[in-house]
Amino acid sequence: MARWEEVAQKLREDIKQGIYRPGTKIPKEDELEEMFGCSRTTIRRAVAALTAEGLVIPVRRGGTTVREQPERAALPLDTYAYRDEIGYYFSQTVQDLRALRPPTITEGPCPPDVAPMLGLQPGDPVVIRDRVMGDPATGRVVQLATSYLPADLAAGTVLAAADTGPGGIYDRMELDLGWGALDWQGIITTRPATAEEKELLGLAPGGPVLCVSRATIATAGSAQGRVVEVNVTRRDGSRVAVRYAIERRDA
């Protein structure tokens, strides 16, 4: 273990044991140098590691504060597709969320993590629909949603329009394009947040995002059997936890 890792490990343990409590400051750099008998470079690297983990927050000219750990909201693991007067939604916990600004529609390269789900190669052209979702009463951003659609299916069609009409892109796929009753498959992952996600979601340094990716599959028409869209929603991973029931099986 490198020296900076040893320093980070000791500070991490002290934070977990409550020696440095949330909202309080850890010792200053010169004090840590003396405590651990090492260079300032080593101290700064250790503190940077704890910042990336979301344990501390450097305050400009104000030292380093132990981060308050927010209470996590439980998100039930919901595997149903629902429908209301607006269109399809995929969890009862998000039914009341609304777009806080008009969607952004662009064409660009398919990201490497999305390409396998779409059956594309990284960099292949896709239509990208970005939405910022939140509480319409308070304006607080809760979720970011991005749809990736193969350009050969979506470019130049209603699927690339800013306003896709009642029911959104799924109604257009089912009712107008003749792609049948759509099927969906989902996966849940986490990853570090991008700079834009940090800003929009108000994430603390080192905060992860919880990603729920949903593949939309056509069951009829010219696109039968193809994944015609991948939707990736992101939330503040430090504020939510996925909850699910465990059933007893007869042995």
C-alpha atoms as a PDB file:
ATOM      1  CA  MET A   1       0.000   0.000   0.000  1.00  0.00           C
ATOM      2  CA  ALA A   2       1.373   3.394  -1.009  1.00  0.00           C
ATOM      3  CA  ARG A   3       1.857   6.002   1.717  1.00  0.00           C
ATOM      4  CA  TRP A   4      -1.014   8.164   0.478  1.00  0.00           C
ATOM      5  CA  GLU A   5      -3.271   5.098   0.557  1.00  0.00           C
ATOM      6  CA  GLU A   6      -2.280   4.462   4.184  1.00  0.00           C
ATOM      7  CA  VAL A   7      -3.139   8.064   5.075  1.00  0.00           C
ATOM      8  CA  ALA A   8      -6.456   7.833   3.234  1.00  0.00           C
ATOM      9  CA  GLN A   9      -7.277   4.537   4.949  1.00  0.00           C
ATOM     10  CA  LYS A  10      -6.637   5.988   8.426  1.00  0.00           C
ATOM     11  CA  LEU A  11      -8.731   9.083   7.734  1.00  0.00           C
ATOM     12  CA  ARG A  12     -11.467   6.916   6.235  1.00  0.00           C
ATOM     13  CA  GLU A  13     -11.563   4.766   9.375  1.00  0.00           C
ATOM     14  CA  ASP A  14     -11.636   7.858  11.600  1.00  0.00           C
ATOM     15  CA  ILE A  15     -14.603   9.226   9.655  1.00  0.00           C
ATOM     16  CA  LYS A  16     -16.492   5.927   9.848  1.00  0.00           C
ATOM     17  CA  GLN A  17     -15.809   5.657  13.590  1.00  0.00           C
ATOM     18  CA  GLY A  18     -17.136   9.169  14.175  1.00  0.00           C
ATOM     19  CA  ILE A  19     -13.854  10.748  15.210  1.00  0.00           C
ATOM     20  CA  TYR A  20     -14.520  13.266  12.443  1.00  0.00           C
ATOM     21  CA  ARG A  21     -18.277  13.692  12.281  1.00  0.00           C
ATOM     22  CA  PRO A  22     -20.378  14.918   9.331  1.00  0.00           C
ATOM     23  CA  GLY A  23     -20.245  18.683   9.028  1.00  0.00           C
ATOM     24  CA  THR A  24     -16.959  19.004  10.926  1.00  0.00           C
ATOM     25  CA  LYS A  25     -13.518  19.581   9.455  1.00  0.00           C
ATOM     26  CA  ILE A  26     -10.619  17.167   9.339  1.00  0.00           C
ATOM     27  CA  PRO A  27      -7.238  18.603  10.408  1.00  0.00           C
ATOM     28  CA  LYS A  28      -5.527  21.099   8.124  1.00  0.00           C
ATOM     29  CA  GLU A  29      -2.848  19.991   5.684  1.00  0.00           C
ATOM     30  CA  ASP A  30       0.076  21.098   7.876  1.00  0.00           C
ATOM     31  CA  GLU A  31      -1.467  19.308  10.859  1.00  0.00           C
ATOM     32  CA  LEU A  32      -1.913  16.132   8.820  1.00  0.00           C
ATOM     33  CA  GLU A  33       1.687  16.382   7.620  1.00  0.00           C
ATOM     34  CA  GLU A  34       2.847  16.401  11.222  1.00  0.00           C
ATOM     35  CA  MET A  35       0.427  13.652  12.283  1.00  0.00           C
ATOM     36  CA  PHE A  36       1.518  11.254   9.551  1.00  0.00           C
ATOM     37  CA  GLY A  37       5.094  12.394   9.043  1.00  0.00           C
ATOM     38  CA  CYS A  38       4.738  12.758   5.287  1.00  0.00           C
ATOM     39  CA  SER A  39       4.775  15.379   2.546  1.00  0.00           C
ATOM     40  CA  ARG A  40       1.979  17.740   1.585  1.00  0.00           C
ATOM     41  CA  THR A  41       1.760  16.016  -1.792  1.00  0.00           C
ATOM     42  CA  THR A  42       0.960  12.746  -0.014  1.00  0.00           C
ATOM     43  CA  ILE A  43      -1.689  14.443   2.135  1.00  0.00           C
ATOM     44  CA  ARG A  44      -3.324  16.101  -0.855  1.00  0.00           C
ATOM     45  CA  ARG A  45      -3.456  12.835  -2.768  1.00  0.00           C
ATOM     46  CA  ALA A  46      -5.082  11.086   0.202  1.00  0.00           C
ATOM     47  CA  VAL A  47      -7.679  13.838   0.620  1.00  0.00           C
ATOM     48  CA  ALA A  48      -8.366  13.781  -3.124  1.00  0.00           C
ATOM     49  CA  ALA A  49      -9.105  10.060  -2.877  1.00  0.00           C
ATOM     50  CA  LEU A  50     -11.579  10.632  -0.028  1.00  0.00           C
ATOM     51  CA  THR A  51     -13.193  13.443  -2.020  1.00  0.00           C
ATOM     52  CA  ALA A  52     -13.641  11.119  -5.004  1.00  0.00           C
ATOM     53  CA  GLU A  53     -15.329   8.614  -2.670  1.00  0.00           C
ATOM     54  CA  GLY A  54     -17.778  11.273  -1.502  1.00  0.00           C
ATOM     55  CA  LEU A  55     -16.583  11.200   2.113  1.00  0.00           C
ATOM     56  CA  VAL A  56     -15.244  14.758   2.311  1.00  0.00           C
ATOM     57  CA  ILE A  57     -15.783  18.062   0.541  1.00  0.00           C
ATOM     58  CA  PRO A  58     -12.928  20.563   0.141  1.00  0.00           C
ATOM     59  CA  VAL A  59     -14.091  24.108   0.918  1.00  0.00           C
ATOM     60  CA  ARG A  60     -12.181  26.856  -0.852  1.00  0.00           C
ATOM     61  CA  ARG A  61      -9.966  28.520   1.777  1.00  0.00           C
ATOM     62  CA  GLY A  62     -12.009  26.756   4.408  1.00  0.00           C
ATOM     63  CA  GLY A  63     -10.335  23.379   4.883  1.00  0.00           C
ATOM     64  CA  THR A  64     -11.970  20.020   4.211  1.00  0.00           C
ATOM     65  CA  THR A  65     -15.353  19.098   5.678  1.00  0.00           C
ATOM     66  CA  VAL A  66     -16.730  15.622   6.297  1.00  0.00           C
ATOM     67  CA  ARG A  67     -19.699  15.243   4.017  1.00  0.00           C
ATOM     68  CA  GLU A  68     -23.214  14.868   5.399  1.00  0.00           C
ATOM     69  CA  GLN A  69     -24.557  11.565   4.081  1.00  0.00           C
ATOM     70  CA  PRO A  70     -28.090  12.149   2.744  1.00  0.00           C
ATOM     71  CA  GLU A  71     -30.913   9.813   3.630  1.00  0.00           C
ATOM     72  CA  ARG A  72     -31.598   7.452   0.750  1.00  0.00           C
ATOM     73  CA  ALA A  73     -35.055   7.230  -0.770  1.00  0.00           C
ATOM     74  CA  ALA A  74     -36.151   3.662  -1.487  1.00  0.00           C
ATOM     75  CA  LEU A  75     -36.993   2.960  -5.115  1.00  0.00           C
ATOM     76  CA  PRO A  76     -39.041  -0.235  -5.490  1.00  0.00           C
ATOM     77  CA  LEU A  77     -37.706  -2.539  -8.186  1.00  0.00           C
ATOM     78  CA  ASP A  78     -40.647  -2.215 -10.574  1.00  0.00           C
ATOM     79  CA  THR A  79     -40.776  -4.536 -13.582  1.00  0.00           C
ATOM     80  CA  TYR A  80     -44.093  -3.391 -15.044  1.00  0.00           C
ATOM     81  CA  ALA A  81     -44.954  -1.032 -17.896  1.00  0.00           C
ATOM     82  CA  TYR A  82     -47.801   1.298 -16.901  1.00  0.00           C
ATOM     83  CA  ARG A  83     -50.018   3.634 -18.871  1.00  0.00           C
ATOM     84  CA  ASP A  84     -51.831   6.852 -17.992  1.00  0.00           C
ATOM     85  CA  GLU A  85     -53.369   9.691 -19.998  1.00  0.00           C
ATOM     86  CA  ILE A  86     -49.910  10.967 -20.971  1.00  0.00           C
ATOM     87  CA  GLY A  87     -48.438   7.671 -22.144  1.00  0.00           C
ATOM     88  CA  TYR A  88     -46.212   4.847 -20.909  1.00  0.00           C
ATOM     89  CA  TYR A  89     -44.202   5.056 -17.692  1.00  0.00           C
ATOM     90  CA  PHE A  90     -42.087   2.406 -16.037  1.00  0.00           C
ATOM     91  CA  SER A  91     -42.235   2.951 -12.292  1.00  0.00           C
ATOM     92  CA  GLN A  92     -44.962   4.324 -10.080  1.00  0.00           C
ATOM     93  CA  THR A  93     -42.332   6.431  -8.303  1.00  0.00           C
ATOM     94  CA  VAL A  94     -41.750   8.496 -11.456  1.00  0.00           C
ATOM     95  CA  GLN A  95     -45.338   8.908 -12.641  1.00  0.00           C
ATOM     96  CA  ASP A  96     -45.551  12.480 -11.332  1.00  0.00           C
ATOM     97  CA  LEU A  97     -42.233  13.640 -12.802  1.00  0.00           C
ATOM     98  CA  ARG A  98     -42.436  16.043 -15.735  1.00  0.00           C
ATOM     99  CA  ALA A  99     -39.987  17.520 -18.228  1.00  0.00           C
ATOM    100  CA  LEU A 100     -38.656  20.770 -16.763  1.00  0.00           C
ATOM    101  CA  ARG A 101     -37.483  22.105 -20.136  1.00  0.00           C
ATOM    102  CA  PRO A 102     -38.007  21.258 -23.806  1.00  0.00           C
ATOM    103  CA  PRO A 103     -36.186  18.108 -24.935  1.00  0.00           C
ATOM    104  CA  THR A 104     -32.852  18.392 -26.729  1.00  0.00           C
ATOM    105  CA  ILE A 105     -32.659  16.367 -29.937  1.00  0.00           C
ATOM    106  CA  THR A 106     -29.327  15.810 -31.682  1.00  0.00           C
ATOM    107  CA  GLU A 107     -27.627  13.280 -33.914  1.00  0.00           C
ATOM    108  CA  GLY A 108     -24.295  11.889 -32.804  1.00  0.00           C
ATOM    109  CA  PRO A 109     -22.130   8.812 -32.243  1.00  0.00           C
ATOM    110  CA  CYS A 110     -23.473   5.944 -30.173  1.00  0.00           C
ATOM    111  CA  PRO A 111     -21.715   5.710 -26.775  1.00  0.00           C
ATOM    112  CA  PRO A 112     -19.681   2.527 -26.167  1.00  0.00           C
ATOM    113  CA  ASP A 113     -21.843   1.424 -23.223  1.00  0.00           C
ATOM    114  CA  VAL A 114     -25.082   1.779 -25.220  1.00  0.00           C
ATOM    115  CA  ALA A 115     -23.928   0.317 -28.539  1.00  0.00           C
ATOM    116  CA  PRO A 116     -24.132  -3.382 -27.525  1.00  0.00           C
ATOM    117  CA  MET A 117     -27.717  -2.941 -26.324  1.00  0.00           C
ATOM    118  CA  LEU A 118     -28.708  -1.371 -29.649  1.00  0.00           C
ATOM    119  CA  GLY A 119     -26.824  -3.954 -31.699  1.00  0.00           C
ATOM    120  CA  LEU A 120     -24.584  -1.189 -33.057  1.00  0.00           C
ATOM    121  CA  GLN A 121     -20.878  -0.444 -33.073  1.00  0.00           C
ATOM    122  CA  PRO A 122     -19.538   2.377 -30.894  1.00  0.00           C
ATOM    123  CA  GLY A 123     -19.628   5.542 -32.942  1.00  0.00           C
ATOM    124  CA  ASP A 124     -22.485   4.445 -35.210  1.00  0.00           C
ATOM    125  CA  PRO A 125     -24.945   7.320 -35.784  1.00  0.00           C
ATOM    126  CA  VAL A 126     -27.910   7.615 -33.416  1.00  0.00           C
ATOM    127  CA  VAL A 127     -30.653  10.120 -32.714  1.00  0.00           C
ATOM    128  CA  ILE A 128     -30.272  11.339 -29.124  1.00  0.00           C
ATOM    129  CA  ARG A 129     -33.213  12.701 -27.144  1.00  0.00           C
ATOM    130  CA  ASP A 130     -32.262  14.328 -23.809  1.00  0.00           C
ATOM    131  CA  ARG A 131     -34.798  15.272 -21.157  1.00  0.00           C
ATOM    132  CA  VAL A 132     -34.424  16.871 -17.731  1.00  0.00           C
ATOM    133  CA  MET A 133     -37.144  15.506 -15.437  1.00  0.00           C
ATOM    134  CA  GLY A 134     -38.221  16.741 -12.051  1.00  0.00           C
ATOM    135  CA  ASP A 135     -40.891  18.006  -9.697  1.00  0.00           C
ATOM    136  CA  PRO A 136     -43.051  20.512 -11.602  1.00  0.00           C
ATOM    137  CA  ALA A 137     -44.092  22.213  -8.354  1.00  0.00           C
ATOM    138  CA  THR A 138     -40.583  22.955  -7.077  1.00  0.00           C
ATOM    139  CA  GLY A 139     -38.527  22.769 -10.260  1.00  0.00           C
ATOM    140  CA  ARG A 140     -36.061  20.407  -8.568  1.00  0.00           C
ATOM    141  CA  VAL A 141     -34.260  18.138 -11.020  1.00  0.00           C
ATOM    142  CA  VAL A 142     -34.739  14.493 -10.012  1.00  0.00           C
ATOM    143  CA  GLN A 143     -33.838  12.458 -13.054  1.00  0.00           C
ATOM    144  CA  LEU A 144     -32.056  12.794 -16.388  1.00  0.00           C
ATOM    145  CA  ALA A 145     -33.374  10.694 -19.265  1.00  0.00           C
ATOM    146  CA  THR A 146     -31.643  10.094 -22.586  1.00  0.00           C
ATOM    147  CA  SER A 147     -33.016   8.027 -25.465  1.00  0.00           C
ATOM    148  CA  TYR A 148     -30.717   6.632 -28.145  1.00  0.00           C
ATOM    149  CA  LEU A 149     -32.382   5.549 -31.407  1.00  0.00           C
ATOM    150  CA  PRO A 150     -30.598   4.029 -34.423  1.00  0.00           C
ATOM    151  CA  ALA A 151     -30.270   6.761 -37.048  1.00  0.00           C
ATOM    152  CA  ASP A 152     -31.335   4.440 -39.875  1.00  0.00           C
ATOM    153  CA  LEU A 153     -34.709   4.072 -38.156  1.00  0.00           C
ATOM    154  CA  ALA A 154     -35.239   7.474 -36.542  1.00  0.00           C
ATOM    155  CA  ALA A 155     -33.407  10.218 -38.470  1.00  0.00           C
ATOM    156  CA  GLY A 156     -35.805  12.370 -40.463  1.00  0.00           C
ATOM    157  CA  THR A 157     -38.892  10.783 -38.893  1.00  0.00           C
ATOM    158  CA  VAL A 158     -41.320  11.892 -36.204  1.00  0.00           C
ATOM    159  CA  LEU A 159     -39.055  10.086 -33.701  1.00  0.00           C
ATOM    160  CA  ALA A 160     -36.525  12.903 -34.176  1.00  0.00           C
ATOM    161  CA  ALA A 161     -39.093  15.702 -33.783  1.00  0.00           C
ATOM    162  CA  ALA A 162     -39.136  17.951 -30.725  1.00  0.00           C
ATOM    163  CA  ASP A 163     -42.862  17.301 -30.271  1.00  0.00           C
ATOM    164  CA  THR A 164     -43.764  13.683 -31.011  1.00  0.00           C
ATOM    165  CA  GLY A 165     -47.420  14.141 -30.110  1.00  0.00           C
ATOM    166  CA  PRO A 166     -49.656  12.384 -27.566  1.00  0.00           C
ATOM    167  CA  GLY A 167     -48.049   9.320 -26.045  1.00  0.00           C
ATOM    168  CA  GLY A 168     -44.542  10.297 -27.182  1.00  0.00           C
ATOM    169  CA  ILE A 169     -42.189   8.121 -29.200  1.00  0.00           C
ATOM    170  CA  TYR A 170     -43.694   4.838 -27.988  1.00  0.00           C
ATOM    171  CA  ASP A 171     -47.145   5.663 -29.355  1.00  0.00           C
ATOM    172  CA  ARG A 172     -45.554   6.721 -32.623  1.00  0.00           C
ATOM    173  CA  MET A 173     -43.718   3.391 -32.810  1.00  0.00           C
ATOM    174  CA  GLU A 174     -46.816   1.338 -32.017  1.00  0.00           C
ATOM    175  CA  LEU A 175     -49.562   3.345 -33.704  1.00  0.00           C
ATOM    176  CA  ASP A 176     -47.886   5.131 -36.620  1.00  0.00           C
ATOM    177  CA  LEU A 177     -44.815   3.095 -37.579  1.00  0.00           C
ATOM    178  CA  GLY A 178     -46.461  -0.304 -37.138  1.00  0.00           C
ATOM    179  CA  TRP A 179     -43.779  -1.790 -34.908  1.00  0.00           C
ATOM    180  CA  GLY A 180     -46.264  -3.823 -32.885  1.00  0.00           C
ATOM    181  CA  ALA A 181     -46.842  -3.915 -29.136  1.00  0.00           C
ATOM    182  CA  LEU A 182     -43.408  -2.998 -27.857  1.00  0.00           C
ATOM    183  CA  ASP A 183     -41.394  -5.155 -25.470  1.00  0.00           C
ATOM    184  CA  TRP A 184     -38.899  -3.829 -22.943  1.00  0.00           C
ATOM    185  CA  GLN A 185     -35.895  -5.155 -21.025  1.00  0.00           C
ATOM    186  CA  GLY A 186     -34.031  -3.283 -18.298  1.00  0.00           C
ATOM    187  CA  ILE A 187     -30.705  -3.306 -16.474  1.00  0.00           C
ATOM    188  CA  ILE A 188     -29.447  -1.313 -13.477  1.00  0.00           C
ATOM    189  CA  THR A 189     -25.853  -0.084 -13.191  1.00  0.00           C
ATOM    190  CA  THR A 190     -23.825   2.660 -11.527  1.00  0.00           C
ATOM    191  CA  ARG A 191     -20.970   4.809 -12.764  1.00  0.00           C
ATOM    192  CA  PRO A 192     -19.185   8.086 -11.975  1.00  0.00           C
ATOM    193  CA  ALA A 193     -21.189  11.160 -12.935  1.00  0.00           C
ATOM    194  CA  THR A 194     -20.211  13.352 -15.842  1.00  0.00           C
ATOM    195  CA  ALA A 195     -19.600  17.073 -15.297  1.00  0.00           C
ATOM    196  CA  GLU A 196     -23.013  17.880 -16.816  1.00  0.00           C
ATOM    197  CA  GLU A 197     -24.768  15.325 -14.596  1.00  0.00           C
ATOM    198  CA  LYS A 198     -23.062  16.762 -11.504  1.00  0.00           C
ATOM    199  CA  GLU A 199     -24.328  20.219 -12.381  1.00  0.00           C
ATOM    200  CA  LEU A 200     -27.898  19.261 -13.304  1.00  0.00           C
ATOM    201  CA  LEU A 201     -28.429  16.818 -10.412  1.00  0.00           C
ATOM    202  CA  GLY A 202     -26.495  18.893  -7.871  1.00  0.00           C
ATOM    203  CA  LEU A 203     -24.155  16.034  -7.009  1.00  0.00           C
ATOM    204  CA  ALA A 204     -21.429  16.259  -4.414  1.00  0.00           C
ATOM    205  CA  PRO A 205     -17.848  15.604  -5.571  1.00  0.00           C
ATOM    206  CA  GLY A 206     -17.379  11.895  -6.132  1.00  0.00           C
ATOM    207  CA  GLY A 207     -21.112  11.265  -6.290  1.00  0.00           C
ATOM    208  CA  PRO A 208     -22.186   8.309  -8.456  1.00  0.00           C
ATOM    209  CA  VAL A 209     -25.239   8.100 -10.668  1.00  0.00           C
ATOM    210  CA  LEU A 210     -27.690   5.216 -10.598  1.00  0.00           C
ATOM    211  CA  CYS A 211     -28.412   4.269 -14.219  1.00  0.00           C
ATOM    212  CA  VAL A 212     -31.541   2.410 -15.256  1.00  0.00           C
ATOM    213  CA  SER A 213     -31.211   1.391 -18.907  1.00  0.00           C
ATOM    214  CA  ARG A 214     -34.251   0.151 -20.806  1.00  0.00           C
ATOM    215  CA  ALA A 215     -34.142  -1.466 -24.240  1.00  0.00           C
ATOM    216  CA  THR A 216     -37.250  -1.082 -26.419  1.00  0.00           C
ATOM    217  CA  ILE A 217     -37.858  -3.970 -28.831  1.00  0.00           C
ATOM    218  CA  ALA A 218     -40.144  -3.891 -31.898  1.00  0.00           C
ATOM    219  CA  THR A 219     -42.342  -6.959 -32.339  1.00  0.00           C
ATOM    220  CA  ALA A 220     -43.711  -6.305 -35.827  1.00  0.00           C
ATOM    221  CA  GLY A 221     -43.214  -4.373 -39.047  1.00  0.00           C
ATOM    222  CA  SER A 222     -39.967  -3.351 -40.715  1.00  0.00           C
ATOM    223  CA  ALA A 223     -38.098  -3.204 -37.395  1.00  0.00           C
ATOM    224  CA  GLN A 224     -39.364  -6.527 -36.001  1.00  0.00           C
ATOM    225  CA  GLY A 225     -36.925  -8.033 -33.518  1.00  0.00           C
ATOM    226  CA  ARG A 226     -34.699  -4.964 -33.396  1.00  0.00           C
ATOM    227  CA  VAL A 227     -33.887  -2.866 -30.380  1.00  0.00           C
ATOM    228  CA  VAL A 228     -35.288   0.433 -31.607  1.00  0.00           C
ATOM    229  CA  GLU A 229     -34.382   2.545 -28.587  1.00  0.00           C
ATOM    230  CA  VAL A 230     -32.289   2.451 -25.449  1.00  0.00           C
ATOM    231  CA  ASN A 231     -33.392   4.840 -22.708  1.00  0.00           C
ATOM    232  CA  VAL A 232     -30.914   5.613 -19.937  1.00  0.00           C
ATOM    233  CA  THR A 233     -32.198   7.412 -16.834  1.00  0.00           C
ATOM    234  CA  ARG A 234     -29.799   8.733 -14.199  1.00  0.00           C
ATOM    235  CA  ARG A 235     -30.377   9.704 -10.579  1.00  0.00           C
ATOM    236  CA  ASP A 236     -28.165  10.791  -7.710  1.00  0.00           C
ATOM    237  CA  GLY A 237     -26.820   7.422  -6.572  1.00  0.00           C
ATOM    238  CA  SER A 238     -26.101   8.731  -3.077  1.00  0.00           C
ATOM    239  CA  ARG A 239     -29.766   9.557  -2.478  1.00  0.00           C
ATOM    240  CA  VAL A 240     -31.566   6.446  -3.710  1.00  0.00           C
ATOM    241  CA  ALA A 241     -31.502   2.730  -3.008  1.00  0.00           C
ATOM    242  CA  VAL A 242     -33.235   0.004  -5.009  1.00  0.00           C
ATOM    243  CA  ARG A 243     -35.682  -1.979  -2.882  1.00  0.00           C
ATOM    244  CA  TYR A 244     -37.135  -5.373  -3.736  1.00  0.00           C
ATOM    245  CA  ALA A 245     -39.086  -8.118  -2.020  1.00  0.00           C
ATOM    246  CA  ILE A 246     -37.560 -11.531  -1.328  1.00  0.00           C
ATOM    247  CA  GLU A 247     -39.914 -14.482  -1.491  1.00  0.00           C
ATOM    248  CA  ARG A 248     -39.407 -17.800   0.219  1.00  0.00           C
ATOM    249  CA  ARG A 249     -39.298 -20.741  -2.190  1.00  0.00           C
ATOM    250  CA  ASP A 250     -40.470 -24.177  -1.106  1.00  0.00           C
ATOM    251  CA  ALA A 251     -37.482 -26.498  -0.755  1.00  0.00           C
END
